[in-house]
Amino acid sequence: MTNSNLLLTEKEQKIISRLNRIEGQVRGVKNMIENKRSCHDTLTQIKAIQAALHSCTTELLFYHTSTLLPDIQTGSIEALERLLTLIQKNIK
């Protein structure tokens, strides 16, 4: 574990691990295209990447929300506005 990883929470490390797996999936799709694998198989892998990104986005949104809640509970309008903006940008 590097020094930068020591500063990450367990949840942040989990999200980074998921992103590393997604990165590997993307490299795999690139190789599939370079090796002229079937379009069906390639598209199936792309759909899996999209699902993994959606799941990661949801997890990160929940995590960030949990970091804002204490400030919101103490009356921080700025934290509430940040949360509402975050939700608005990610429900599309």
PDB file of N, CA and C in Angstrom:
ATOM      1  N   MET A   1       0.838  -1.170   0.000  1.00  0.00           N
ATOM      2  CA  MET A   1       0.000   0.000   0.000  1.00  0.00           C
ATOM      3  C   MET A   1       0.889   1.242   0.000  1.00  0.00           C
ATOM      4  N   THR A   2       0.599   2.188  -0.906  1.00  0.00           N
ATOM      5  CA  THR A   2       1.396   3.404  -0.975  1.00  0.00           C
ATOM      6  C   THR A   2       0.921   4.401   0.070  1.00  0.00           C
ATOM      7  N   ASN A   3       1.724   5.428   0.293  1.00  0.00           N
ATOM      8  CA  ASN A   3       1.351   6.449   1.263  1.00  0.00           C
ATOM      9  C   ASN A   3       0.039   7.123   0.916  1.00  0.00           C
ATOM     10  N   SER A   4      -0.232   7.341  -0.376  1.00  0.00           N
ATOM     11  CA  SER A   4      -1.484   7.984  -0.762  1.00  0.00           C
ATOM     12  C   SER A   4      -2.679   7.109  -0.404  1.00  0.00           C
ATOM     13  N   ASN A   5      -2.514   5.794  -0.438  1.00  0.00           N
ATOM     14  CA  ASN A   5      -3.605   4.901  -0.066  1.00  0.00           C
ATOM     15  C   ASN A   5      -3.906   4.958   1.423  1.00  0.00           C
ATOM     16  N   LEU A   6      -2.917   5.319   2.244  1.00  0.00           N
ATOM     17  CA  LEU A   6      -3.143   5.407   3.678  1.00  0.00           C
ATOM     18  C   LEU A   6      -4.116   6.523   4.021  1.00  0.00           C
ATOM     19  N   LEU A   7      -4.220   7.520   3.161  1.00  0.00           N
ATOM     20  CA  LEU A   7      -5.096   8.649   3.410  1.00  0.00           C
ATOM     21  C   LEU A   7      -6.527   8.389   2.963  1.00  0.00           C
ATOM     22  N   LEU A   8      -6.751   7.301   2.252  1.00  0.00           N
ATOM     23  CA  LEU A   8      -8.075   6.989   1.734  1.00  0.00           C
ATOM     24  C   LEU A   8      -8.884   6.202   2.753  1.00  0.00           C
ATOM     25  N   THR A   9     -10.180   6.480   2.784  1.00  0.00           N
ATOM     26  CA  THR A   9     -11.058   5.684   3.632  1.00  0.00           C
ATOM     27  C   THR A   9     -11.249   4.312   2.990  1.00  0.00           C
ATOM     28  N   GLU A  10     -11.779   3.400   3.751  1.00  0.00           N
ATOM     29  CA  GLU A  10     -12.057   2.060   3.226  1.00  0.00           C
ATOM     30  C   GLU A  10     -13.018   2.146   2.042  1.00  0.00           C
ATOM     31  N   LYS A  11     -14.014   3.012   2.142  1.00  0.00           N
ATOM     32  CA  LYS A  11     -14.993   3.166   1.069  1.00  0.00           C
ATOM     33  C   LYS A  11     -14.327   3.716  -0.193  1.00  0.00           C
ATOM     34  N   GLU A  12     -13.432   4.691  -0.021  1.00  0.00           N
ATOM     35  CA  GLU A  12     -12.723   5.251  -1.171  1.00  0.00           C
ATOM     36  C   GLU A  12     -11.835   4.197  -1.823  1.00  0.00           C
ATOM     37  N   GLN A  13     -11.175   3.383  -1.030  1.00  0.00           N
ATOM     38  CA  GLN A  13     -10.335   2.313  -1.579  1.00  0.00           C
ATOM     39  C   GLN A  13     -11.180   1.312  -2.355  1.00  0.00           C
ATOM     40  N   LYS A  14     -12.381   1.023  -1.850  1.00  0.00           N
ATOM     41  CA  LYS A  14     -13.281   0.096  -2.535  1.00  0.00           C
ATOM     42  C   LYS A  14     -13.698   0.666  -3.894  1.00  0.00           C
ATOM     43  N   ILE A  15     -14.004   1.947  -3.928  1.00  0.00           N
ATOM     44  CA  ILE A  15     -14.396   2.587  -5.184  1.00  0.00           C
ATOM     45  C   ILE A  15     -13.233   2.578  -6.173  1.00  0.00           C
ATOM     46  N   ILE A  16     -12.034   2.872  -5.703  1.00  0.00           N
ATOM     47  CA  ILE A  16     -10.856   2.850  -6.579  1.00  0.00           C
ATOM     48  C   ILE A  16     -10.612   1.442  -7.115  1.00  0.00           C
ATOM     49  N   SER A  17     -10.804   0.431  -6.291  1.00  0.00           N
ATOM     50  CA  SER A  17     -10.657  -0.957  -6.761  1.00  0.00           C
ATOM     51  C   SER A  17     -11.655  -1.259  -7.866  1.00  0.00           C
ATOM     52  N   ARG A  18     -12.884  -0.785  -7.702  1.00  0.00           N
ATOM     53  CA  ARG A  18     -13.900  -1.000  -8.731  1.00  0.00           C
ATOM     54  C   ARG A  18     -13.497  -0.298 -10.023  1.00  0.00           C
ATOM     55  N   LEU A  19     -12.984   0.923  -9.895  1.00  0.00           N
ATOM     56  CA  LEU A  19     -12.549   1.661 -11.084  1.00  0.00           C
ATOM     57  C   LEU A  19     -11.378   0.968 -11.769  1.00  0.00           C
ATOM     58  N   ASN A  20     -10.486   0.376 -11.000  1.00  0.00           N
ATOM     59  CA  ASN A  20      -9.376  -0.382 -11.591  1.00  0.00           C
ATOM     60  C   ASN A  20      -9.890  -1.575 -12.385  1.00  0.00           C
ATOM     61  N   ARG A  21     -10.921  -2.253 -11.865  1.00  0.00           N
ATOM     62  CA  ARG A  21     -11.510  -3.377 -12.600  1.00  0.00           C
ATOM     63  C   ARG A  21     -12.158  -2.886 -13.893  1.00  0.00           C
ATOM     64  N   ILE A  22     -12.851  -1.754 -13.805  1.00  0.00           N
ATOM     65  CA  ILE A  22     -13.484  -1.184 -14.998  1.00  0.00           C
ATOM     66  C   ILE A  22     -12.425  -0.809 -16.026  1.00  0.00           C
ATOM     67  N   GLU A  23     -11.328  -0.241 -15.559  1.00  0.00           N
ATOM     68  CA  GLU A  23     -10.223   0.112 -16.453  1.00  0.00           C
ATOM     69  C   GLU A  23      -9.717  -1.133 -17.187  1.00  0.00           C
ATOM     70  N   GLY A  24      -9.611  -2.236 -16.483  1.00  0.00           N
ATOM     71  CA  GLY A  24      -9.199  -3.490 -17.106  1.00  0.00           C
ATOM     72  C   GLY A  24     -10.207  -3.969 -18.133  1.00  0.00           C
ATOM     73  N   GLN A  25     -11.497  -3.798 -17.827  1.00  0.00           N
ATOM     74  CA  GLN A  25     -12.537  -4.180 -18.783  1.00  0.00           C
ATOM     75  C   GLN A  25     -12.430  -3.344 -20.059  1.00  0.00           C
ATOM     76  N   VAL A  26     -12.157  -2.055 -19.907  1.00  0.00           N
ATOM     77  CA  VAL A  26     -12.030  -1.177 -21.072  1.00  0.00           C
ATOM     78  C   VAL A  26     -10.841  -1.608 -21.928  1.00  0.00           C
ATOM     79  N   ARG A  27      -9.719  -1.930 -21.283  1.00  0.00           N
ATOM     80  CA  ARG A  27      -8.561  -2.431 -22.043  1.00  0.00           C
ATOM     81  C   ARG A  27      -8.928  -3.728 -22.768  1.00  0.00           C
ATOM     82  N   GLY A  28      -9.719  -4.568 -22.107  1.00  0.00           N
ATOM     83  CA  GLY A  28     -10.147  -5.812 -22.731  1.00  0.00           C
ATOM     84  C   GLY A  28     -10.982  -5.571 -23.979  1.00  0.00           C
ATOM     85  N   VAL A  29     -11.875  -4.587 -23.924  1.00  0.00           N
ATOM     86  CA  VAL A  29     -12.694  -4.257 -25.096  1.00  0.00           C
ATOM     87  C   VAL A  29     -11.809  -3.732 -26.225  1.00  0.00           C
ATOM     88  N   LYS A  30     -10.844  -2.909 -25.879  1.00  0.00           N
ATOM     89  CA  LYS A  30      -9.906  -2.403 -26.894  1.00  0.00           C
ATOM     90  C   LYS A  30      -9.209  -3.577 -27.580  1.00  0.00           C
ATOM     91  N   ASN A  31      -8.751  -4.543 -26.785  1.00  0.00           N
ATOM     92  CA  ASN A  31      -8.098  -5.735 -27.351  1.00  0.00           C
ATOM     93  C   ASN A  31      -9.062  -6.542 -28.207  1.00  0.00           C
ATOM     94  N   MET A  32     -10.315  -6.622 -27.780  1.00  0.00           N
ATOM     95  CA  MET A  32     -11.311  -7.357 -28.562  1.00  0.00           C
ATOM     96  C   MET A  32     -11.461  -6.735 -29.950  1.00  0.00           C
ATOM     97  N   ILE A  33     -11.498  -5.414 -29.990  1.00  0.00           N
ATOM     98  CA  ILE A  33     -11.634  -4.726 -31.276  1.00  0.00           C
ATOM     99  C   ILE A  33     -10.379  -4.928 -32.117  1.00  0.00           C
ATOM    100  N   GLU A  34      -9.208  -4.780 -31.497  1.00  0.00           N
ATOM    101  CA  GLU A  34      -7.945  -4.965 -32.227  1.00  0.00           C
ATOM    102  C   GLU A  34      -7.808  -6.387 -32.759  1.00  0.00           C
ATOM    103  N   ASN A  35      -8.357  -7.363 -32.038  1.00  0.00           N
ATOM    104  CA  ASN A  35      -8.271  -8.763 -32.451  1.00  0.00           C
ATOM    105  C   ASN A  35      -9.481  -9.216 -33.253  1.00  0.00           C
ATOM    106  N   LYS A  36     -10.313  -8.226 -33.634  1.00  0.00           N
ATOM    107  CA  LYS A  36     -11.481  -8.480 -34.487  1.00  0.00           C
ATOM    108  C   LYS A  36     -12.429  -9.532 -33.910  1.00  0.00           C
ATOM    109  N   ARG A  37     -12.653  -9.460 -32.599  1.00  0.00           N
ATOM    110  CA  ARG A  37     -13.642 -10.340 -31.974  1.00  0.00           C
ATOM    111  C   ARG A  37     -15.033  -9.946 -32.453  1.00  0.00           C
ATOM    112  N   SER A  38     -15.996 -10.802 -32.231  1.00  0.00           N
ATOM    113  CA  SER A  38     -17.339 -10.539 -32.745  1.00  0.00           C
ATOM    114  C   SER A  38     -17.926  -9.270 -32.128  1.00  0.00           C
ATOM    115  N   CYS A  39     -18.696  -8.591 -32.946  1.00  0.00           N
ATOM    116  CA  CYS A  39     -19.348  -7.360 -32.501  1.00  0.00           C
ATOM    117  C   CYS A  39     -20.268  -7.659 -31.318  1.00  0.00           C
ATOM    118  N   HIS A  40     -20.972  -8.781 -31.369  1.00  0.00           N
ATOM    119  CA  HIS A  40     -21.883  -9.162 -30.289  1.00  0.00           C
ATOM    120  C   HIS A  40     -21.137  -9.286 -28.965  1.00  0.00           C
ATOM    121  N   ASP A  41     -20.014  -9.996 -28.975  1.00  0.00           N
ATOM    122  CA  ASP A  41     -19.226 -10.169 -27.748  1.00  0.00           C
ATOM    123  C   ASP A  41     -18.684  -8.834 -27.236  1.00  0.00           C
ATOM    124  N   THR A  42     -18.231  -8.003 -28.166  1.00  0.00           N
ATOM    125  CA  THR A  42     -17.675  -6.703 -27.786  1.00  0.00           C
ATOM    126  C   THR A  42     -18.754  -5.822 -27.174  1.00  0.00           C
ATOM    127  N   LEU A  43     -19.917  -5.781 -27.808  1.00  0.00           N
ATOM    128  CA  LEU A  43     -21.018  -4.970 -27.274  1.00  0.00           C
ATOM    129  C   LEU A  43     -21.490  -5.483 -25.918  1.00  0.00           C
ATOM    130  N   THR A  44     -21.454  -6.790 -25.740  1.00  0.00           N
ATOM    131  CA  THR A  44     -21.818  -7.364 -24.441  1.00  0.00           C
ATOM    132  C   THR A  44     -20.871  -6.865 -23.359  1.00  0.00           C
ATOM    133  N   GLN A  45     -19.594  -6.816 -23.678  1.00  0.00           N
ATOM    134  CA  GLN A  45     -18.613  -6.317 -22.707  1.00  0.00           C
ATOM    135  C   GLN A  45     -18.794  -4.823 -22.440  1.00  0.00           C
ATOM    136  N   ILE A  46     -19.136  -4.068 -23.472  1.00  0.00           N
ATOM    137  CA  ILE A  46     -19.371  -2.634 -23.288  1.00  0.00           C
ATOM    138  C   ILE A  46     -20.575  -2.411 -22.379  1.00  0.00           C
ATOM    139  N   LYS A  47     -21.625  -3.206 -22.553  1.00  0.00           N
ATOM    140  CA  LYS A  47     -22.794  -3.093 -21.665  1.00  0.00           C
ATOM    141  C   LYS A  47     -22.405  -3.420 -20.225  1.00  0.00           C
ATOM    142  N   ALA A  48     -21.524  -4.388 -20.046  1.00  0.00           N
ATOM    143  CA  ALA A  48     -21.057  -4.729 -18.696  1.00  0.00           C
ATOM    144  C   ALA A  48     -20.283  -3.561 -18.087  1.00  0.00           C
ATOM    145  N   ILE A  49     -19.491  -2.880 -18.907  1.00  0.00           N
ATOM    146  CA  ILE A  49     -18.741  -1.711 -18.430  1.00  0.00           C
ATOM    147  C   ILE A  49     -19.708  -0.602 -18.032  1.00  0.00           C
ATOM    148  N   GLN A  50     -20.725  -0.375 -18.857  1.00  0.00           N
ATOM    149  CA  GLN A  50     -21.709   0.657 -18.534  1.00  0.00           C
ATOM    150  C   GLN A  50     -22.406   0.352 -17.213  1.00  0.00           C
ATOM    151  N   ALA A  51     -22.763  -0.901 -17.008  1.00  0.00           N
ATOM    152  CA  ALA A  51     -23.420  -1.295 -15.757  1.00  0.00           C
ATOM    153  C   ALA A  51     -22.483  -1.102 -14.568  1.00  0.00           C
ATOM    154  N   ALA A  52     -21.214  -1.450 -14.753  1.00  0.00           N
ATOM    155  CA  ALA A  52     -20.239  -1.287 -13.673  1.00  0.00           C
ATOM    156  C   ALA A  52     -20.029   0.189 -13.346  1.00  0.00           C
ATOM    157  N   LEU A  53     -19.983   1.035 -14.363  1.00  0.00           N
ATOM    158  CA  LEU A  53     -19.841   2.475 -14.136  1.00  0.00           C
ATOM    159  C   LEU A  53     -21.063   3.043 -13.424  1.00  0.00           C
ATOM    160  N   HIS A  54     -22.242   2.586 -13.820  1.00  0.00           N
ATOM    161  CA  HIS A  54     -23.467   3.038 -13.156  1.00  0.00           C
ATOM    162  C   HIS A  54     -23.447   2.652 -11.679  1.00  0.00           C
ATOM    163  N   SER A  55     -23.056   1.436 -11.411  1.00  0.00           N
ATOM    164  CA  SER A  55     -22.973   0.961 -10.031  1.00  0.00           C
ATOM    165  C   SER A  55     -21.951   1.764  -9.231  1.00  0.00           C
ATOM    166  N   CYS A  56     -20.820   2.047  -9.838  1.00  0.00           N
ATOM    167  CA  CYS A  56     -19.769   2.822  -9.180  1.00  0.00           C
ATOM    168  C   CYS A  56     -20.242   4.257  -8.931  1.00  0.00           C
ATOM    169  N   THR A  57     -20.944   4.823  -9.898  1.00  0.00           N
ATOM    170  CA  THR A  57     -21.493   6.171  -9.745  1.00  0.00           C
ATOM    171  C   THR A  57     -22.459   6.221  -8.573  1.00  0.00           C
ATOM    172  N   THR A  58     -23.329   5.235  -8.483  1.00  0.00           N
ATOM    173  CA  THR A  58     -24.291   5.174  -7.386  1.00  0.00           C
ATOM    174  C   THR A  58     -23.583   5.055  -6.048  1.00  0.00           C
ATOM    175  N   GLU A  59     -22.592   4.200  -5.985  1.00  0.00           N
ATOM    176  CA  GLU A  59     -21.843   4.006  -4.743  1.00  0.00           C
ATOM    177  C   GLU A  59     -21.126   5.290  -4.322  1.00  0.00           C
ATOM    178  N   LEU A  60     -20.520   5.969  -5.283  1.00  0.00           N
ATOM    179  CA  LEU A  60     -19.824   7.220  -4.980  1.00  0.00           C
ATOM    180  C   LEU A  60     -20.808   8.311  -4.554  1.00  0.00           C
ATOM    181  N   LEU A  61     -21.967   8.350  -5.184  1.00  0.00           N
ATOM    182  CA  LEU A  61     -23.005   9.313  -4.811  1.00  0.00           C
ATOM    183  C   LEU A  61     -23.475   9.077  -3.377  1.00  0.00           C
ATOM    184  N   PHE A  62     -23.709   7.824  -3.017  1.00  0.00           N
ATOM    185  CA  PHE A  62     -24.113   7.492  -1.648  1.00  0.00           C
ATOM    186  C   PHE A  62     -23.013   7.871  -0.657  1.00  0.00           C
ATOM    187  N   TYR A  63     -21.774   7.577  -1.017  1.00  0.00           N
ATOM    188  CA  TYR A  63     -20.658   7.892  -0.128  1.00  0.00           C
ATOM    189  C   TYR A  63     -20.559   9.399   0.095  1.00  0.00           C
ATOM    190  N   HIS A  64     -20.601  10.150  -0.996  1.00  0.00           N
ATOM    191  CA  HIS A  64     -20.472  11.600  -0.864  1.00  0.00           C
ATOM    192  C   HIS A  64     -21.655  12.180  -0.078  1.00  0.00           C
ATOM    193  N   THR A  65     -22.843  11.635  -0.304  1.00  0.00           N
ATOM    194  CA  THR A  65     -24.013  12.080   0.453  1.00  0.00           C
ATOM    195  C   THR A  65     -23.786  11.877   1.940  1.00  0.00           C
ATOM    196  N   SER A  66     -23.224  10.743   2.303  1.00  0.00           N
ATOM    197  CA  SER A  66     -22.989  10.466   3.727  1.00  0.00           C
ATOM    198  C   SER A  66     -21.982  11.436   4.336  1.00  0.00           C
ATOM    199  N   THR A  67     -21.073  11.970   3.508  1.00  0.00           N
ATOM    200  CA  THR A  67     -20.113  12.945   4.039  1.00  0.00           C
ATOM    201  C   THR A  67     -20.744  14.323   4.207  1.00  0.00           C
ATOM    202  N   LEU A  68     -21.812  14.602   3.456  1.00  0.00           N
ATOM    203  CA  LEU A  68     -22.482  15.900   3.557  1.00  0.00           C
ATOM    204  C   LEU A  68     -23.541  15.943   4.657  1.00  0.00           C
ATOM    205  N   LEU A  69     -24.102  14.796   5.006  1.00  0.00           N
ATOM    206  CA  LEU A  69     -25.216  14.768   5.956  1.00  0.00           C
ATOM    207  C   LEU A  69     -24.924  15.423   7.303  1.00  0.00           C
ATOM    208  N   PRO A  70     -23.764  15.210   7.911  1.00  0.00           N
ATOM    209  CA  PRO A  70     -23.525  15.876   9.203  1.00  0.00           C
ATOM    210  C   PRO A  70     -23.628  17.400   9.108  1.00  0.00           C
ATOM    211  N   ASP A  71     -23.097  17.976   8.029  1.00  0.00           N
ATOM    212  CA  ASP A  71     -23.190  19.430   7.855  1.00  0.00           C
ATOM    213  C   ASP A  71     -24.627  19.870   7.602  1.00  0.00           C
ATOM    214  N   ILE A  72     -25.360  19.077   6.836  1.00  0.00           N
ATOM    215  CA  ILE A  72     -26.763  19.403   6.564  1.00  0.00           C
ATOM    216  C   ILE A  72     -27.563  19.366   7.864  1.00  0.00           C
ATOM    217  N   GLN A  73     -27.296  18.363   8.695  1.00  0.00           N
ATOM    218  CA  GLN A  73     -28.019  18.233   9.962  1.00  0.00           C
ATOM    219  C   GLN A  73     -27.749  19.394  10.915  1.00  0.00           C
ATOM    220  N   THR A  74     -26.599  20.036  10.759  1.00  0.00           N
ATOM    221  CA  THR A  74     -26.304  21.189  11.618  1.00  0.00           C
ATOM    222  C   THR A  74     -26.739  22.499  10.966  1.00  0.00           C
ATOM    223  N   GLY A  75     -27.448  22.403   9.842  1.00  0.00           N
ATOM    224  CA  GLY A  75     -28.040  23.585   9.227  1.00  0.00           C
ATOM    225  C   GLY A  75     -27.252  24.230   8.108  1.00  0.00           C
ATOM    226  N   SER A  76     -26.257  23.558   7.564  1.00  0.00           N
ATOM    227  CA  SER A  76     -25.453  24.145   6.490  1.00  0.00           C
ATOM    228  C   SER A  76     -26.242  24.162   5.179  1.00  0.00           C
ATOM    229  N   ILE A  77     -26.628  25.354   4.770  1.00  0.00           N
ATOM    230  CA  ILE A  77     -27.332  25.519   3.496  1.00  0.00           C
ATOM    231  C   ILE A  77     -26.392  25.186   2.334  1.00  0.00           C
ATOM    232  N   GLU A  78     -25.118  25.546   2.467  1.00  0.00           N
ATOM    233  CA  GLU A  78     -24.132  25.262   1.414  1.00  0.00           C
ATOM    234  C   GLU A  78     -24.017  23.756   1.166  1.00  0.00           C
ATOM    235  N   ALA A  79     -23.962  22.964   2.230  1.00  0.00           N
ATOM    236  CA  ALA A  79     -23.874  21.503   2.082  1.00  0.00           C
ATOM    237  C   ALA A  79     -25.139  20.959   1.434  1.00  0.00           C
ATOM    238  N   LEU A  80     -26.290  21.497   1.817  1.00  0.00           N
ATOM    239  CA  LEU A  80     -27.553  21.060   1.225  1.00  0.00           C
ATOM    240  C   LEU A  80     -27.586  21.399  -0.262  1.00  0.00           C
ATOM    241  N   GLU A  81     -27.142  22.594  -0.614  1.00  0.00           N
ATOM    242  CA  GLU A  81     -27.104  22.988  -2.024  1.00  0.00           C
ATOM    243  C   GLU A  81     -26.150  22.096  -2.818  1.00  0.00           C
ATOM    244  N   ARG A  82     -25.003  21.759  -2.238  1.00  0.00           N
ATOM    245  CA  ARG A  82     -24.053  20.860  -2.921  1.00  0.00           C
ATOM    246  C   ARG A  82     -24.691  19.494  -3.158  1.00  0.00           C
ATOM    247  N   LEU A  83     -25.406  18.992  -2.150  1.00  0.00           N
ATOM    248  CA  LEU A  83     -26.063  17.694  -2.283  1.00  0.00           C
ATOM    249  C   LEU A  83     -27.134  17.742  -3.364  1.00  0.00           C
ATOM    250  N   LEU A  84     -27.962  18.775  -3.357  1.00  0.00           N
ATOM    251  CA  LEU A  84     -29.028  18.878  -4.352  1.00  0.00           C
ATOM    252  C   LEU A  84     -28.459  19.005  -5.765  1.00  0.00           C
ATOM    253  N   THR A  85     -27.386  19.762  -5.924  1.00  0.00           N
ATOM    254  CA  THR A  85     -26.731  19.894  -7.229  1.00  0.00           C
ATOM    255  C   THR A  85     -26.168  18.549  -7.685  1.00  0.00           C
ATOM    256  N   LEU A  86     -25.542  17.846  -6.764  1.00  0.00           N
ATOM    257  CA  LEU A  86     -24.976  16.533  -7.066  1.00  0.00           C
ATOM    258  C   LEU A  86     -26.059  15.557  -7.518  1.00  0.00           C
ATOM    259  N   ILE A  87     -27.168  15.545  -6.812  1.00  0.00           N
ATOM    260  CA  ILE A  87     -28.279  14.655  -7.174  1.00  0.00           C
ATOM    261  C   ILE A  87     -28.831  15.043  -8.535  1.00  0.00           C
ATOM    262  N   GLN A  88     -29.061  16.337  -8.734  1.00  0.00           N
ATOM    263  CA  GLN A  88     -29.620  16.807  -9.997  1.00  0.00           C
ATOM    264  C   GLN A  88     -28.747  16.402 -11.185  1.00  0.00           C
ATOM    265  N   LYS A  89     -27.442  16.521 -11.052  1.00  0.00           N
ATOM    266  CA  LYS A  89     -26.531  16.183 -12.149  1.00  0.00           C
ATOM    267  C   LYS A  89     -26.451  14.686 -12.409  1.00  0.00           C
ATOM    268  N   ASN A  90     -26.829  13.876 -11.427  1.00  0.00           N
ATOM    269  CA  ASN A  90     -26.636  12.429 -11.564  1.00  0.00           C
ATOM    270  C   ASN A  90     -27.908  11.624 -11.714  1.00  0.00           C
ATOM    271  N   ILE A  91     -29.063  12.286 -11.819  1.00  0.00           N
ATOM    272  CA  ILE A  91     -30.291  11.518 -12.000  1.00  0.00           C
ATOM    273  C   ILE A  91     -30.722  11.443 -13.455  1.00  0.00           C
ATOM    274  N   LYS A  92     -29.921  11.994 -14.333  1.00  0.00           N
ATOM    275  CA  LYS A  92     -30.244  11.980 -15.767  1.00  0.00           C
ATOM    276  C   LYS A  92     -29.988  10.622 -16.355  1.00  0.00           C
TER     277      LYS A  92
END
